[in-house]
Amino acid sequence: MNRAVYDSRFFVEFFYSKDIVQRKKIEAEKKRKDKFVSSITIHEIYNISLAREGREVAKLRVITIRQDFKIIPVDEQIAQLSAELRHKYNLSMGDSMIAATASALSAVCITDDPHFKQINEIITQWI
């Protein structure tokens, strides 16, 4: 499966990891052709960056993501599927939105978040 939706945890590693092995895996992942990110992930990364480094860095993080990833907005289909997944698996709204985005796009979800492993409607993978 070449299509992938990236969870916020990928971007935390992407922007903040000091682990050289992890950085190489992240660089290798950049070669994937169809890379998507939920607009919810943009919210989460902007919020984390805002708290850690301020508004200017948060804005730069979004610009960086936008360069290599197609941002998928939450539409009616994703919102309804997200609610179904949230109810079925007792997920947070953010996790359910990201999972719904992966499901709607028939894409693998790139995450190491254990909450995603329980979701039968998606395939997860880590770098």
Foldseek 3Di string as FASTA:
>chain_A
DLAEEEALVLVCCCPPNPDPVSVVVNVVNLPRDAYAYEVLSLVVQLVVCCVPPRNVVSVVSVVVCVVRHHYDYCDPQLQVQLVVQCVVQVDDSSVSSSLSVCLVVVHEYADPDPSVVVDPSHHYDYD
